Amino acid sequence: MSGLWTPGSGPDRPGPGGPADLGGPVDLGGDLGIDPEEAAAAAEMERIRAEVTSVPASDIVANHVIGLWQLAVLHLDPGPGRVPQLGEAAVAIDAVGAIVDALGDRLGENAGPLREALAQLHLAYAEIRAQVTGSGPTAPS
């Protein structure tokens, strides 16, 4: 048998391109059912993969931590006429703290600024909580 095996092919059912002539060139385009759009999408995914992996993981993690920081700020200061959502803010603040505390100096040059951002969040939370509840300042755990 000289056919290219694919799922669903067999002795009585050669692959999508039919029997291959092993002595000559094989067309990897239409004969194998490779969609040019899928090939372009795969090439684009590979380009994105190379781009993302060229950036240090600590920078990407720091970017995500800033997103969590922003989420906490939005819940602490939801805008005019809206009440701060302290529970939701606490979840975001605790997530920032968990990452910053767990990774510490492994965050590289981002470690210091992220620690400061976390400290600012704790202060803001305590101040806003005191305003909303009329009680003393208490930071999220």
C-alpha atoms as a PDB file:
ATOM      1  CA  MET A   1       0.000   0.000   0.000  1.00  0.00           C
ATOM      2  CA  SER A   2       1.411   3.398  -0.896  1.00  0.00           C
ATOM      3  CA  GLY A   3      -1.345   5.655   0.463  1.00  0.00           C
ATOM      4  CA  LEU A   4      -0.879   8.161   3.243  1.00  0.00           C
ATOM      5  CA  TRP A   5      -2.670   6.934   6.352  1.00  0.00           C
ATOM      6  CA  THR A   6      -5.090   9.307   8.050  1.00  0.00           C
ATOM      7  CA  PRO A   7      -7.915   8.662  10.472  1.00  0.00           C
ATOM      8  CA  GLY A   8     -10.687   7.042   8.464  1.00  0.00           C
ATOM      9  CA  SER A   9      -8.354   5.676   5.805  1.00  0.00           C
ATOM     10  CA  GLY A  10      -7.318   2.106   5.454  1.00  0.00           C
ATOM     11  CA  PRO A  11      -6.459  -0.483   2.823  1.00  0.00           C
ATOM     12  CA  ASP A  12      -9.711   0.175   1.009  1.00  0.00           C
ATOM     13  CA  ARG A  13      -9.816   3.905   1.730  1.00  0.00           C
ATOM     14  CA  PRO A  14      -6.611   5.836   1.092  1.00  0.00           C
ATOM     15  CA  GLY A  15      -5.996   9.204   2.755  1.00  0.00           C
ATOM     16  CA  PRO A  16      -7.497  12.418   1.423  1.00  0.00           C
ATOM     17  CA  GLY A  17      -4.870  12.796  -1.249  1.00  0.00           C
ATOM     18  CA  GLY A  18      -5.220   9.276  -2.527  1.00  0.00           C
ATOM     19  CA  PRO A  19      -2.243   6.999  -2.955  1.00  0.00           C
ATOM     20  CA  ALA A  20       1.005   8.931  -2.605  1.00  0.00           C
ATOM     21  CA  ASP A  21       3.898   8.361  -4.941  1.00  0.00           C
ATOM     22  CA  LEU A  22       6.751   8.075  -2.470  1.00  0.00           C
ATOM     23  CA  GLY A  23       9.281   8.728  -5.194  1.00  0.00           C
ATOM     24  CA  GLY A  24       8.111  12.264  -5.987  1.00  0.00           C
ATOM     25  CA  PRO A  25       7.154  15.496  -4.269  1.00  0.00           C
ATOM     26  CA  VAL A  26       4.099  15.555  -2.067  1.00  0.00           C
ATOM     27  CA  ASP A  27       1.734  18.512  -2.283  1.00  0.00           C
ATOM     28  CA  LEU A  28       1.075  19.619   1.300  1.00  0.00           C
ATOM     29  CA  GLY A  29      -1.637  22.010   0.238  1.00  0.00           C
ATOM     30  CA  GLY A  30      -4.999  20.970  -1.070  1.00  0.00           C
ATOM     31  CA  ASP A  31      -4.197  17.276  -1.481  1.00  0.00           C
ATOM     32  CA  LEU A  32      -3.931  16.815   2.284  1.00  0.00           C
ATOM     33  CA  GLY A  33      -6.924  18.961   3.015  1.00  0.00           C
ATOM     34  CA  ILE A  34      -4.926  21.754   4.685  1.00  0.00           C
ATOM     35  CA  ASP A  35      -7.068  24.859   4.616  1.00  0.00           C
ATOM     36  CA  PRO A  36      -5.008  27.954   3.699  1.00  0.00           C
ATOM     37  CA  GLU A  37      -6.976  29.983   6.264  1.00  0.00           C
ATOM     38  CA  GLU A  38      -6.137  27.448   8.979  1.00  0.00           C
ATOM     39  CA  ALA A  39      -2.482  27.541   7.951  1.00  0.00           C
ATOM     40  CA  ALA A  40      -2.498  31.347   8.152  1.00  0.00           C
ATOM     41  CA  ALA A  41      -4.187  31.216  11.568  1.00  0.00           C
ATOM     42  CA  ALA A  42      -1.590  28.705  12.788  1.00  0.00           C
ATOM     43  CA  ALA A  43       1.222  30.943  11.544  1.00  0.00           C
ATOM     44  CA  GLU A  44      -0.343  33.950  13.311  1.00  0.00           C
ATOM     45  CA  MET A  45      -0.684  31.961  16.540  1.00  0.00           C
ATOM     46  CA  GLU A  46       2.984  31.001  16.299  1.00  0.00           C
ATOM     47  CA  ARG A  47       3.925  34.665  15.783  1.00  0.00           C
ATOM     48  CA  ILE A  48       1.901  35.680  18.854  1.00  0.00           C
ATOM     49  CA  ARG A  49       3.406  32.835  20.865  1.00  0.00           C
ATOM     50  CA  ALA A  50       6.932  33.969  19.977  1.00  0.00           C
ATOM     51  CA  GLU A  51       6.061  37.569  20.846  1.00  0.00           C
ATOM     52  CA  VAL A  52       4.563  36.684  24.250  1.00  0.00           C
ATOM     53  CA  THR A  53       7.401  34.360  25.215  1.00  0.00           C
ATOM     54  CA  SER A  54       9.943  37.057  24.363  1.00  0.00           C
ATOM     55  CA  VAL A  55       8.606  39.170  27.260  1.00  0.00           C
ATOM     56  CA  PRO A  56       9.747  38.226  30.781  1.00  0.00           C
ATOM     57  CA  ALA A  57       7.005  36.417  32.711  1.00  0.00           C
ATOM     58  CA  SER A  58       7.491  38.849  35.608  1.00  0.00           C
ATOM     59  CA  ASP A  59       6.418  41.727  33.343  1.00  0.00           C
ATOM     60  CA  ILE A  60       3.302  39.909  32.170  1.00  0.00           C
ATOM     61  CA  VAL A  61       2.382  38.932  35.734  1.00  0.00           C
ATOM     62  CA  ALA A  62       2.932  42.536  36.859  1.00  0.00           C
ATOM     63  CA  ASN A  63       0.582  43.690  34.098  1.00  0.00           C
ATOM     64  CA  HIS A  64      -2.101  41.324  35.372  1.00  0.00           C
ATOM     65  CA  VAL A  65      -1.544  42.500  38.941  1.00  0.00           C
ATOM     66  CA  ILE A  66      -2.096  46.087  37.787  1.00  0.00           C
ATOM     67  CA  GLY A  67      -5.367  44.921  36.231  1.00  0.00           C
ATOM     68  CA  LEU A  68      -6.416  43.493  39.608  1.00  0.00           C
ATOM     69  CA  TRP A  69      -5.330  46.740  41.273  1.00  0.00           C
ATOM     70  CA  GLN A  70      -7.533  48.685  38.858  1.00  0.00           C
ATOM     71  CA  LEU A  71     -10.434  46.341  39.576  1.00  0.00           C
ATOM     72  CA  ALA A  72     -10.061  47.027  43.305  1.00  0.00           C
ATOM     73  CA  VAL A  73     -10.009  50.781  42.676  1.00  0.00           C
ATOM     74  CA  LEU A  74     -13.186  50.569  40.597  1.00  0.00           C
ATOM     75  CA  HIS A  75     -14.974  48.767  43.417  1.00  0.00           C
ATOM     76  CA  LEU A  76     -13.664  51.219  46.019  1.00  0.00           C
ATOM     77  CA  ASP A  77     -14.660  54.256  43.958  1.00  0.00           C
ATOM     78  CA  PRO A  78     -17.494  53.137  41.672  1.00  0.00           C
ATOM     79  CA  GLY A  79     -18.440  56.672  40.661  1.00  0.00           C
ATOM     80  CA  PRO A  80     -20.957  59.357  41.606  1.00  0.00           C
ATOM     81  CA  GLY A  81     -24.111  58.113  43.255  1.00  0.00           C
ATOM     82  CA  ARG A  82     -22.818  54.584  43.702  1.00  0.00           C
ATOM     83  CA  VAL A  83     -21.816  52.825  46.907  1.00  0.00           C
ATOM     84  CA  PRO A  84     -18.356  51.251  47.172  1.00  0.00           C
ATOM     85  CA  GLN A  85     -18.451  47.466  47.014  1.00  0.00           C
ATOM     86  CA  LEU A  86     -16.083  46.629  49.840  1.00  0.00           C
ATOM     87  CA  GLY A  87     -16.423  42.851  49.545  1.00  0.00           C
ATOM     88  CA  GLU A  88     -15.596  42.888  45.848  1.00  0.00           C
ATOM     89  CA  ALA A  89     -12.718  45.297  46.421  1.00  0.00           C
ATOM     90  CA  ALA A  90     -11.372  43.021  49.163  1.00  0.00           C
ATOM     91  CA  VAL A  91     -11.292  40.054  46.779  1.00  0.00           C
ATOM     92  CA  ALA A  92      -9.247  42.028  44.240  1.00  0.00           C
ATOM     93  CA  ILE A  93      -6.965  43.448  46.947  1.00  0.00           C
ATOM     94  CA  ASP A  94      -6.373  40.002  48.409  1.00  0.00           C
ATOM     95  CA  ALA A  95      -5.556  38.678  44.920  1.00  0.00           C
ATOM     96  CA  VAL A  96      -2.981  41.453  44.440  1.00  0.00           C
ATOM     97  CA  GLY A  97      -1.527  40.662  47.850  1.00  0.00           C
ATOM     98  CA  ALA A  98      -1.410  36.931  47.205  1.00  0.00           C
ATOM     99  CA  ILE A  99       0.573  37.377  44.008  1.00  0.00           C
ATOM    100  CA  VAL A 100       2.875  40.112  45.293  1.00  0.00           C
ATOM    101  CA  ASP A 101       3.580  38.276  48.567  1.00  0.00           C
ATOM    102  CA  ALA A 102       4.064  34.876  46.947  1.00  0.00           C
ATOM    103  CA  LEU A 103       6.372  36.054  44.178  1.00  0.00           C
ATOM    104  CA  GLY A 104       8.184  38.820  46.056  1.00  0.00           C
ATOM    105  CA  ASP A 105      11.499  39.701  44.457  1.00  0.00           C
ATOM    106  CA  ARG A 106      10.876  37.240  41.631  1.00  0.00           C
ATOM    107  CA  LEU A 107       8.790  40.060  40.157  1.00  0.00           C
ATOM    108  CA  GLY A 108      12.106  41.793  39.446  1.00  0.00           C
ATOM    109  CA  GLU A 109      11.989  45.552  39.019  1.00  0.00           C
ATOM    110  CA  ASN A 110       8.202  45.382  39.392  1.00  0.00           C
ATOM    111  CA  ALA A 111       8.341  44.090  42.987  1.00  0.00           C
ATOM    112  CA  GLY A 112       8.821  47.452  44.705  1.00  0.00           C
ATOM    113  CA  PRO A 113       6.168  49.396  42.789  1.00  0.00           C
ATOM    114  CA  LEU A 114       3.664  46.546  43.221  1.00  0.00           C
ATOM    115  CA  ARG A 115       4.284  46.444  46.972  1.00  0.00           C
ATOM    116  CA  GLU A 116       3.658  50.204  47.094  1.00  0.00           C
ATOM    117  CA  ALA A 117       0.483  49.821  45.027  1.00  0.00           C
ATOM    118  CA  LEU A 118      -0.732  47.129  47.436  1.00  0.00           C
ATOM    119  CA  ALA A 119      -0.022  49.371  50.427  1.00  0.00           C
ATOM    120  CA  GLN A 120      -1.995  52.190  48.761  1.00  0.00           C
ATOM    121  CA  LEU A 121      -4.918  49.826  48.223  1.00  0.00           C
ATOM    122  CA  HIS A 122      -4.906  48.788  51.876  1.00  0.00           C
ATOM    123  CA  LEU A 123      -4.945  52.437  52.990  1.00  0.00           C
ATOM    124  CA  ALA A 124      -7.699  53.372  50.547  1.00  0.00           C
ATOM    125  CA  TYR A 125      -9.782  50.380  51.605  1.00  0.00           C
ATOM    126  CA  ALA A 126      -9.446  51.275  55.286  1.00  0.00           C
ATOM    127  CA  GLU A 127     -10.395  54.923  54.676  1.00  0.00           C
ATOM    128  CA  ILE A 128     -13.392  54.108  52.488  1.00  0.00           C
ATOM    129  CA  ARG A 129     -14.586  51.385  54.840  1.00  0.00           C
ATOM    130  CA  ALA A 130     -14.461  53.833  57.740  1.00  0.00           C
ATOM    131  CA  GLN A 131     -16.496  56.359  55.715  1.00  0.00           C
ATOM    132  CA  VAL A 132     -19.088  53.810  54.574  1.00  0.00           C
ATOM    133  CA  THR A 133     -19.550  51.932  57.822  1.00  0.00           C
ATOM    134  CA  GLY A 134     -18.680  54.675  60.314  1.00  0.00           C
ATOM    135  CA  SER A 135     -16.293  52.233  62.002  1.00  0.00           C
ATOM    136  CA  GLY A 136     -12.561  52.261  62.479  1.00  0.00           C
ATOM    137  CA  PRO A 137     -10.176  51.410  59.651  1.00  0.00           C
ATOM    138  CA  THR A 138      -9.715  47.718  58.882  1.00  0.00           C
ATOM    139  CA  ALA A 139      -7.813  46.428  55.875  1.00  0.00           C
ATOM    140  CA  PRO A 140      -8.823  43.292  53.969  1.00  0.00           C
ATOM    141  CA  SER A 141      -7.071  40.127  55.119  1.00  0.00           C
END
